[in-house]
Every structure is written in structure tokens, then in C-alpha cells.
Protein backbone atom coordinates (compact mmCIF):
# COMPACT_ATOMS: atom_id res chain seq x y z
CA MET A 1 36.20 15.75 -2.04
CA THR A 2 37.29 16.27 -6.00
CA ASP A 3 35.24 16.06 -8.83
CA LEU A 4 36.73 12.97 -10.30
CA ALA A 5 36.32 11.34 -6.37
CA TRP A 6 32.57 12.52 -6.29
CA HIS A 7 31.80 10.91 -9.87
CA ARG A 8 33.75 7.93 -8.92
CA THR A 9 31.48 7.56 -5.61
CA ARG A 10 28.22 8.14 -7.95
CA ALA A 11 29.44 5.75 -10.29
CA VAL A 12 30.06 2.86 -7.54
CA HIS A 13 26.94 3.85 -5.85
CA ALA A 14 24.65 3.06 -9.30
CA VAL A 15 26.77 -0.06 -9.93
CA LEU A 16 26.28 -1.58 -6.35
CA THR A 17 22.21 -0.34 -5.99
CA PRO A 18 21.03 -3.00 -8.04
CA VAL A 19 23.48 -5.93 -6.56
CA ARG A 20 22.20 -4.82 -2.92
CA TRP A 21 18.67 -4.74 -4.12
CA LEU A 22 19.02 -8.46 -5.71
CA GLY A 23 20.89 -9.23 -2.61
CA ARG A 24 18.14 -8.35 0.17
CA ALA A 25 15.55 -10.12 -2.58
CA VAL A 26 17.22 -12.98 -2.39
CA ARG A 27 17.88 -12.80 1.57
CA GLY A 28 14.78 -11.44 2.44
CA SER A 29 11.13 -11.91 2.24
CA GLY A 30 9.84 -8.27 1.87
CA ALA A 31 9.12 -6.30 -1.10
CA GLU A 32 12.11 -7.19 -3.21
CA ARG A 33 11.57 -10.97 -2.96
CA VAL A 34 7.87 -10.44 -4.46
CA VAL A 35 8.83 -8.09 -7.33
CA LEU A 36 11.81 -10.80 -8.20
CA VAL A 37 9.42 -13.61 -8.13
CA GLN A 38 6.46 -11.78 -10.04
CA ALA A 39 9.24 -10.96 -12.60
CA ALA A 40 10.50 -14.47 -13.01
CA LYS A 41 6.96 -15.72 -13.24
CA ALA A 42 6.59 -13.05 -15.94
CA ALA A 43 9.18 -14.15 -17.85
CA LEU A 44 8.43 -17.72 -17.51
CA ALA A 45 4.54 -17.34 -18.73
CA ALA A 46 6.08 -15.20 -21.81
CA MET A 47 8.16 -18.50 -22.71
CA LEU A 48 5.45 -20.62 -22.07
CA ALA A 49 3.00 -18.44 -24.21
CA TRP A 50 5.19 -18.26 -27.06
CA LEU A 51 6.25 -21.96 -27.27
CA ALA A 52 2.43 -22.93 -26.79
CA ALA A 53 1.64 -20.39 -29.87
CA ALA A 54 4.30 -20.94 -31.96
CA HIS A 55 5.15 -24.79 -31.69
CA ILE A 56 1.81 -26.25 -30.62
CA PHE A 57 -0.76 -24.38 -32.14
CA GLY A 58 1.39 -23.50 -35.01
CA LEU A 59 0.21 -19.97 -35.06
CA PRO A 60 2.10 -17.68 -37.60
CA GLN A 61 2.52 -14.55 -35.69
CA PRO A 62 2.15 -15.34 -32.28
CA PHE A 63 2.97 -12.29 -30.87
CA LEU A 64 0.00 -11.46 -28.82
CA ALA A 65 0.21 -14.75 -26.75
CA PRO A 66 3.74 -13.98 -24.83
CA TRP A 67 2.23 -10.20 -24.76
CA ALA A 68 -1.16 -11.24 -22.86
CA ALA A 69 0.94 -13.68 -21.02
CA VAL A 70 3.24 -10.76 -19.25
CA TYR A 71 0.39 -8.63 -18.59
CA ILE A 72 -2.07 -11.03 -17.02
CA VAL A 73 0.99 -11.85 -14.26
CA GLU A 74 -0.71 -9.09 -11.72
CA ALA A 75 -0.16 -8.60 -8.01
CA THR A 76 -2.81 -10.79 -6.89
CA VAL A 77 -4.44 -14.04 -8.77
CA TYR A 78 -7.56 -12.09 -8.49
CA ARG A 79 -6.56 -9.15 -10.07
CA SER A 80 -5.14 -11.39 -12.67
CA LEU A 81 -8.34 -13.02 -13.59
CA TRP A 82 -10.16 -9.67 -13.79
CA THR A 83 -7.28 -8.25 -16.10
CA ALA A 84 -7.62 -11.62 -18.16
CA CYS A 85 -11.14 -10.91 -18.80
CA GLN A 86 -10.47 -7.43 -19.50
CA GLN A 87 -7.67 -7.95 -22.13
CA VAL A 88 -9.62 -11.07 -24.01
CA ALA A 89 -12.82 -8.28 -23.69
CA ALA A 90 -10.63 -5.40 -25.54
CA VAL A 91 -8.97 -7.59 -28.18
CA VAL A 92 -12.46 -9.16 -29.01
CA VAL A 93 -13.76 -5.52 -29.24
CA ALA A 94 -10.46 -4.39 -31.37
CA VAL A 95 -10.89 -7.03 -33.90
CA LEU A 96 -14.71 -6.29 -34.35
CA LEU A 97 -13.81 -2.62 -34.68
CA ALA A 98 -11.05 -3.33 -37.23
CA VAL A 99 -13.41 -5.52 -39.37
CA VAL A 100 -16.27 -2.87 -39.38
CA VAL A 101 -13.84 -0.10 -39.90
CA ASP A 102 -12.53 -1.68 -43.02
CA TRP A 103 -15.80 -2.56 -44.14
CA LEU A 104 -17.12 0.83 -44.29
CA THR A 105 -14.09 2.72 -45.02
CA PRO A 106 -12.64 2.70 -48.79
CA TRP A 107 -9.34 4.08 -47.98
CA ARG A 108 -6.72 2.50 -45.24
CA LEU A 109 -5.55 5.75 -44.35
CA LEU A 110 -9.33 6.93 -43.01
CA GLY A 111 -9.57 3.47 -41.77
CA VAL A 112 -6.33 4.41 -39.55
CA ALA A 113 -7.92 7.52 -38.33
CA VAL A 114 -11.41 6.06 -37.61
CA ALA A 115 -9.93 3.18 -35.79
CA VAL A 116 -7.67 4.80 -33.26
CA LEU A 117 -10.48 7.65 -32.72
CA VAL A 118 -13.33 5.17 -31.98
CA GLY A 119 -10.97 2.82 -30.24
CA LEU A 120 -9.67 5.16 -27.65
CA LEU A 121 -13.07 6.60 -27.00
CA ILE A 122 -14.38 2.84 -26.46
CA GLY A 123 -11.55 2.38 -24.27
CA GLN A 124 -12.74 5.13 -21.90
CA TRP A 125 -15.18 2.75 -20.73
CA ARG A 126 -13.99 1.97 -17.06
CA ARG A 127 -14.70 -1.69 -17.32
CA PHE A 128 -12.03 -2.25 -19.78
CA GLY A 129 -9.65 -0.52 -16.83
CA ASP A 130 -6.00 -0.51 -18.37
CA SER A 131 -6.78 -2.52 -21.18
CA GLY A 132 -9.35 0.05 -22.49
CA PRO A 133 -6.47 2.07 -24.51
CA TRP A 134 -5.32 -1.21 -26.36
CA ILE A 135 -8.56 -1.15 -28.23
CA GLY A 136 -7.46 1.63 -30.69
CA ILE A 137 -4.08 0.45 -30.91
CA THR A 138 -4.82 -3.32 -31.38
CA ALA A 139 -7.27 -2.19 -34.12
CA LEU A 140 -4.84 -0.02 -35.84
CA LEU A 141 -2.09 -2.38 -35.65
CA LEU A 142 -4.43 -5.14 -37.26
CA ILE A 143 -5.57 -2.72 -40.45
CA THR A 144 -2.32 -1.63 -41.36
CA TRP A 145 -0.65 -5.18 -41.26
CA GLY A 146 -3.86 -5.85 -43.68
CA MET A 147 -5.36 -8.46 -41.05
CA SER A 148 -8.69 -6.64 -40.80
CA GLY A 149 -10.19 -8.35 -44.01
CA ASP A 150 -8.42 -11.65 -43.17
CA GLY A 151 -11.06 -13.85 -40.92
CA VAL A 152 -8.50 -16.61 -40.35
CA LEU A 153 -5.66 -14.14 -39.11
CA LEU A 154 -8.13 -12.35 -36.98
CA ALA A 155 -9.05 -15.96 -35.80
CA ASP A 156 -5.61 -16.47 -34.45
CA ARG A 157 -5.41 -13.13 -32.84
CA LEU A 158 -7.94 -13.97 -30.92
CA VAL A 159 -6.85 -17.45 -30.09
CA GLU A 160 -3.31 -16.05 -29.04
CA THR A 161 -5.03 -13.76 -26.77
CA VAL A 162 -6.93 -16.40 -25.18
CA LEU A 163 -3.71 -18.70 -24.86
CA GLY A 164 -1.64 -15.96 -23.20
CA VAL A 165 -4.12 -14.61 -20.50
CA THR A 166 -4.77 -18.37 -19.71
CA ILE A 167 -1.27 -19.51 -18.93
CA GLY A 168 -0.22 -16.05 -17.44
CA PHE A 169 -2.88 -16.46 -15.37
CA ALA A 170 -2.37 -20.19 -14.61
CA VAL A 171 1.43 -19.60 -13.90
CA ASN A 172 0.58 -16.61 -11.19
CA GLY A 173 -2.09 -18.55 -9.76
CA LEU A 174 -0.13 -22.05 -9.35
CA LEU A 175 3.10 -21.07 -9.10
CA PHE A 176 3.86 -19.30 -5.90
CA PRO A 177 0.76 -17.02 -6.09
CA PRO A 178 1.58 -13.96 -4.24
CA VAL A 179 0.36 -13.00 -0.84
CA TYR A 180 1.32 -9.92 1.20
CA SER A 181 0.57 -10.60 4.99
CA ASP A 182 4.35 -9.44 5.69
CA ARG A 183 3.29 -5.96 3.90
CA ALA A 184 0.40 -5.34 5.99
CA ARG A 185 2.41 -6.54 9.25
CA GLU A 186 5.15 -4.56 8.48
CA THR A 187 3.25 -1.35 7.67
CA ILE A 188 0.94 -1.51 10.52
CA TRP A 189 3.98 -2.20 12.94
CA ARG A 190 5.74 0.95 11.03
CA LEU A 191 2.36 3.12 11.62
CA ALA A 192 1.99 2.12 15.27
CA SER A 193 5.96 2.31 16.03
CA ASP A 194 6.29 5.90 14.79
CA MET A 195 3.33 7.13 16.70
CA ALA A 196 4.70 5.33 19.78
CA ASP A 197 7.99 7.09 19.34
CA LEU A 198 6.37 10.21 19.28
CA LEU A 199 4.37 9.96 22.48
CA ILE A 200 7.81 8.56 24.05
CA GLU A 201 9.69 11.51 22.94
CA MET A 202 6.90 13.87 24.01
CA ALA A 203 7.40 11.96 27.52
CA GLU A 204 10.95 12.31 27.85
CA THR A 205 10.69 15.87 26.99
CA PHE A 206 8.49 16.49 30.20
CA ARG A 207 10.52 14.20 32.33
CA HIS A 208 13.47 16.82 32.10
CA ASP A 209 13.67 20.11 34.22
CA GLY A 210 15.36 22.05 31.11
CA PRO A 211 13.15 23.64 28.36
CA PRO A 212 12.69 21.34 25.82
CA THR A 213 13.99 21.72 22.47
CA GLN A 214 11.75 19.21 20.21
CA ALA A 215 8.74 20.65 20.75
CA ASP A 216 7.97 22.23 17.24
CA GLY A 217 8.65 19.60 15.54
CA TRP A 218 5.95 17.24 17.00
CA GLY A 219 2.83 18.77 15.55
CA ARG A 220 4.44 17.88 12.20
CA ARG A 221 5.15 14.59 12.81
CA ALA A 222 1.90 13.99 14.07
CA VAL A 223 0.57 15.22 10.84
CA ALA A 224 3.08 13.11 8.87
CA ALA A 225 1.90 10.09 10.09
CA VAL A 226 -1.41 10.42 7.87
CA THR A 227 1.09 8.95 5.34
CA LEU A 228 1.57 5.87 7.06
CA VAL A 229 -1.96 5.32 7.50
CA ARG A 230 -2.87 5.51 3.92
CA GLN A 231 -0.20 2.97 3.25
CA ALA A 232 -1.09 0.83 5.86
CA GLU A 233 -4.67 0.88 4.30
CA ARG A 234 -3.46 0.19 0.62
CA ALA A 235 -1.39 -2.89 2.22
CA ILE A 236 -4.19 -4.38 4.05
CA GLU A 237 -6.38 -3.96 1.20
CA LEU A 238 -3.67 -6.14 -0.92
CA ASN A 239 -3.62 -8.54 1.65
CA HIS A 240 -7.15 -9.14 1.64
CA GLU A 241 -7.34 -9.27 -2.24
CA SER A 242 -4.31 -11.86 -2.36
CA ASN A 243 -6.30 -14.41 -0.17
CA ARG A 244 -8.87 -14.64 -2.73
CA MET A 245 -8.65 -17.67 -5.28
CA ASN A 246 -5.53 -18.09 -3.72
CA VAL A 247 -4.26 -21.82 -3.32
CA ARG A 248 -1.57 -20.88 -0.69
CA ARG A 249 -4.23 -19.43 1.57
CA SER A 250 -4.39 -22.55 3.60
CA ALA A 251 -0.72 -22.59 4.08
CA PHE A 252 -0.85 -18.97 6.04
CA ALA A 253 -3.99 -19.83 8.08
CA PHE A 254 -1.76 -19.13 11.21
CA ARG A 255 -1.40 -15.60 9.97
CA ARG A 256 -3.32 -12.79 11.23
CA PRO A 257 -6.61 -12.65 9.97
CA THR A 258 -7.51 -9.93 7.37
CA GLU A 259 -10.12 -8.72 9.34
CA GLU A 260 -8.08 -8.20 12.41
CA TRP A 261 -5.85 -6.20 10.60
CA HIS A 262 -8.66 -3.75 9.50
CA THR A 263 -9.64 -3.63 13.36
CA VAL A 264 -6.21 -2.47 14.52
CA LEU A 265 -5.79 -0.34 11.58
CA ALA A 266 -9.22 1.48 12.41
CA ASN A 267 -7.95 1.77 16.12
CA LEU A 268 -4.64 3.43 15.13
CA ARG A 269 -6.27 5.54 12.35
CA GLY A 270 -8.95 6.63 15.00
CA CYS A 271 -6.26 7.71 17.34
CA TRP A 272 -4.30 9.53 14.95
CA PRO A 273 -5.98 12.73 15.16
CA TYR A 274 -5.82 12.95 18.44
CA LEU A 275 -2.34 12.33 18.64
CA THR A 276 -2.09 15.38 16.47
CA GLU A 277 -4.03 17.22 19.06
CA ILE A 278 -1.93 16.00 21.99
CA ALA A 279 1.12 17.22 20.07
CA GLU A 280 -0.17 20.74 19.33
CA ALA A 281 -1.42 20.85 22.91
CA ALA A 282 1.66 20.10 24.42
CA ARG A 283 3.61 22.13 22.35
CA THR A 284 1.32 24.94 23.28
CA THR A 285 1.95 24.18 26.66
CA THR A 286 6.12 24.10 26.56
CA ASP A 287 5.95 27.47 24.91
CA HIS A 288 4.33 29.13 27.64
CA VAL A 289 1.95 30.77 25.50
CA ARG A 290 -0.92 32.64 27.79
CA PRO A 291 -2.74 31.62 29.95
CA PHE A 292 -0.87 28.47 29.76
CA GLU A 293 2.06 27.84 32.04
CA TYR A 294 4.55 25.08 32.22
CA PRO A 295 3.27 22.39 34.78
CA ASP A 296 5.00 21.58 37.99
CA PRO A 297 7.56 18.74 37.95
CA VAL A 298 5.46 16.37 39.69
CA SER A 299 2.37 17.20 37.24
CA ARG A 300 4.91 16.92 34.34
CA LYS A 301 5.88 13.40 35.47
CA ALA A 302 2.18 12.45 35.76
CA PHE A 303 1.89 13.51 32.24
CA ALA A 304 5.19 11.56 31.04
CA THR A 305 3.56 8.47 32.38
CA MET A 306 0.30 8.97 31.04
CA LEU A 307 2.01 9.60 27.61
CA GLU A 308 4.33 6.32 28.24
CA HIS A 309 1.14 4.06 28.89
CA LEU A 310 -0.51 5.50 25.66
CA ALA A 311 2.57 4.69 23.26
CA SER A 312 2.86 1.08 25.15
CA VAL A 313 -0.78 0.01 24.04
CA THR A 314 -0.12 1.70 20.98
CA ARG A 315 3.02 -0.41 19.95
CA LEU A 316 1.21 -3.43 21.27
CA LEU A 317 -1.40 -3.06 19.16
CA GLY A 318 0.86 -2.84 15.75
CA ASP A 319 2.96 -5.80 17.16
CA GLY A 320 0.00 -7.87 16.65
CA ARG A 321 -0.87 -8.97 20.25
CA CYS A 322 -4.47 -7.37 20.42
CA ALA A 323 -5.71 -10.21 22.63
CA GLY A 324 -2.88 -10.90 24.89
CA GLU A 325 -2.53 -10.25 28.54
CA GLU A 326 0.44 -7.82 27.78
CA LEU A 327 -2.09 -5.49 26.12
CA GLU A 328 -4.68 -5.79 28.39
CA ALA A 329 -2.43 -4.70 31.24
CA ALA A 330 -1.19 -1.97 29.64
CA ILE A 331 -4.60 -0.40 28.67
CA ASP A 332 -5.34 -0.83 32.43
CA ALA A 333 -1.98 1.08 33.14
CA ALA A 334 -2.97 4.08 30.54
CA ARG A 335 -6.64 4.43 32.30
CA GLU A 336 -5.00 4.66 35.58
CA ALA A 337 -2.79 7.07 34.38
CA VAL A 338 -5.28 9.15 32.84
CA ASP A 339 -7.67 8.83 35.95
CA GLU A 340 -4.90 10.12 38.08
CA LEU A 341 -3.99 12.92 36.08
CA THR A 342 -7.90 13.82 36.00
CA ASP A 343 -7.87 13.65 39.72
CA ARG A 344 -4.89 15.65 39.90
CA LEU A 345 -6.57 18.49 37.71
CA GLU A 346 -9.82 18.54 39.73
CA THR A 347 -7.62 19.28 43.00
CA ALA A 348 -5.19 22.03 41.56
CA PRO A 349 -5.85 25.31 41.84
CA ALA A 350 -7.20 27.09 38.66
CA SER A 351 -4.04 27.99 36.73
CA GLY A 352 -2.59 28.30 33.57
CA ALA A 353 -0.56 25.27 34.05
CA ALA A 354 -3.67 23.44 35.05
CA ALA A 355 -5.34 24.96 31.77
CA GLY A 356 -2.24 23.33 29.57
CA LEU A 357 -2.69 19.92 31.48
CA ALA A 358 -6.31 20.04 30.92
CA GLY A 359 -5.67 20.70 26.94
CA VAL A 360 -3.70 17.42 26.92
CA LEU A 361 -5.95 15.40 28.70
CA LEU A 362 -8.76 15.48 26.82
CA PRO A 363 -7.28 14.19 23.69
CA ALA A 364 -5.70 11.78 25.45
CA ARG A 365 -8.67 10.39 26.48
CA HIS A 366 -10.02 10.14 23.29
CA ALA A 367 -7.11 8.46 21.93
CA LEU A 368 -7.24 5.90 24.56
CA ARG A 369 -10.73 5.27 23.54
CA GLU A 370 -9.77 4.87 20.02
CA LEU A 371 -7.24 2.32 20.56
CA THR A 372 -9.36 0.50 22.68
CA ALA A 373 -12.39 0.22 20.40
CA ARG A 374 -13.05 -3.51 19.25
């Protein structure tokens, strides 16, 4: 490919990427749809705040109202309320700081330095959250624009802020308030599916007579699953938070309760360390590391069957059927497979092959225990 063709391909890709993203947002109900809806709500909140501040209340410089309204359209309704309280508190402190600095400092240049220094230090208090840094900035604007000595203009700034956060909170809470049950379900399913795929891959490898070629990647894949665990934890917490103060909560009553998602995630998270041990033990067995030997075909088949049943339990948990008969049957089958492998080890002569299977059996038993804990 020539340089010109390569640059053309890159340009086409750059143009099509946002178009494709917009298409996914319009067609599907995933993360893109949530971002698009929240952005549209922020734009609407800014318009309504500007109209209210400029035309209904007749405020002379209503710049704070739309800014505060956009800032309040958060990922959840509960977070919007908390951010609104932080924003109002930050503006009140900034106004008081500007008044005090204007009263105590004889020169505006000195007042600017003091307002920024003190405002940024006050803003470090964690209760202000992301609104903390705006204390010093807002005080700076009030002093440099000559508003710090005018009580009417300062009162207007407070009115604008309260008006903006009120409109932003109302828009976010009443107009398609965000819910994240789909994201929680998708991340749980992705985690369970990835763990199950790894178990299936190991099982298929042990069913073949030839030397395994993918064993070196098993441990890395198992360790990498911790990233999916953390994503699932964040998604469930966001789903739990989105249910608070949400008028759409009753409409999604048929969705899986957050507490149940927590239980499933706890099962998968508890299983994950043992999945790592299974992968490492299986890789050591396939590498013929002394004293471990590659098991005989019958033992490998029993080992593969046990891994397949563990994969089935894992996948069904992530699929949302934690109380279904299919899951109970899969659990029973996995327990029988573990018991069968245990019996085989008890009757097998002491050898490197038996040691290799024993190294896999113990973490497999622990993994099944974690998957079935309620």
C-alpha cells in the first residue's frame, strides 16, 4: 500500500468512526445510547437554564446558570443531587471569599493572588468533590470583573447557580433518568464467558493426543481476567447507584436485582484465583516438568470433562439463571466429575501423572465451591 493510499484509508476511517458510533447509539441500547442521551439532556438543560435566567428572571449576566445545569447532568440521578449540593456550596464559599478578600486587601492584584490561593486550598476539602477547584476560580472571576463589592451582582450569581443546578437536576431526574442494568449484565456476562472460554480451551487441549500448543497463554489469560472483575464491580455499583431516586426504577422491576448481581459477581470473583491456579497447574502438567508427567488418555478425558462442567456452571451464572434447573443440573454434573477424578487419583499408583492431576483437582474443587456459594 502506498503512502497516499494509507493516508486515504486513515482519513476514511477517521470520518466513518463517529458515523458508526452514532449508528450504534441510535440502533442499540448500549453505552453509546446512554452517552448520546445524556449529552442531549445536558444541551437541553443548558438551553432551559439560559432562557430562565435571561428571559424569566432577567439576570444581566446569566452565564453561571447554563454552566451549572450542564455540570449537574451526571451519570446517575443520585450523583446529580450530590453534585448540585457541592456546586451550590462551592459558589457560596467563592462569593463569601470574594467579599472578604475585597474588603481586606487594598489592591485588586493582591486580592487576585489571595483569592486564588485561599480558594484552591479550601477546595481541597473532599466534601466539595470536583467542585472544589472552582472555588478559587469563581472568586477570581468575581474580583477581576469587579463584582465582589456589588451585593446585587453577587446575589445574582447565587441565583443563577441555584437556578442552573435545579434545572439540570430536574432534566436528569425526570427526562429518561439513566439506568445501567444492561451494563451490569453485559460486564458480568463478559467476565463469566471469558472464564468459561478459558476452561473450555484447556478441556479441548487435554482431549487431544497431540502436544498442547496454547498452554503458555493460559496463565496470562487467567490473570488478565482481574480487569474484567474490576469492570464488573464498577458496573454493578453504578447500577446500584442509578436505582436511587430514579423514577424509572419500577419500570425495570423485572430486571435482575442489584443484590443478586452482587452475589453472582462474588461467586465469579471468588472463583477467579482458583482459575489461575488451575491454568498454572495444567500448564505445568503439559510441560512435563518433573515430577509431573502428562496424564494418560483416560485421566485426561476425566480432567477435560470436569473442566467442561465447571465452564458450564460459570457460563450459566453469568447468563442470569442462578436459580434455574439447568444451573442446578450443571452443578451436580460438575460435582460428579470432581468426585470421579478424586476416585481415580485415590486408586491410581503414585506417579508424576497422578501428581499433576492432583495439582489441578484441588483448585478445581475450590473453584466449584466458590461458584456455588450463595
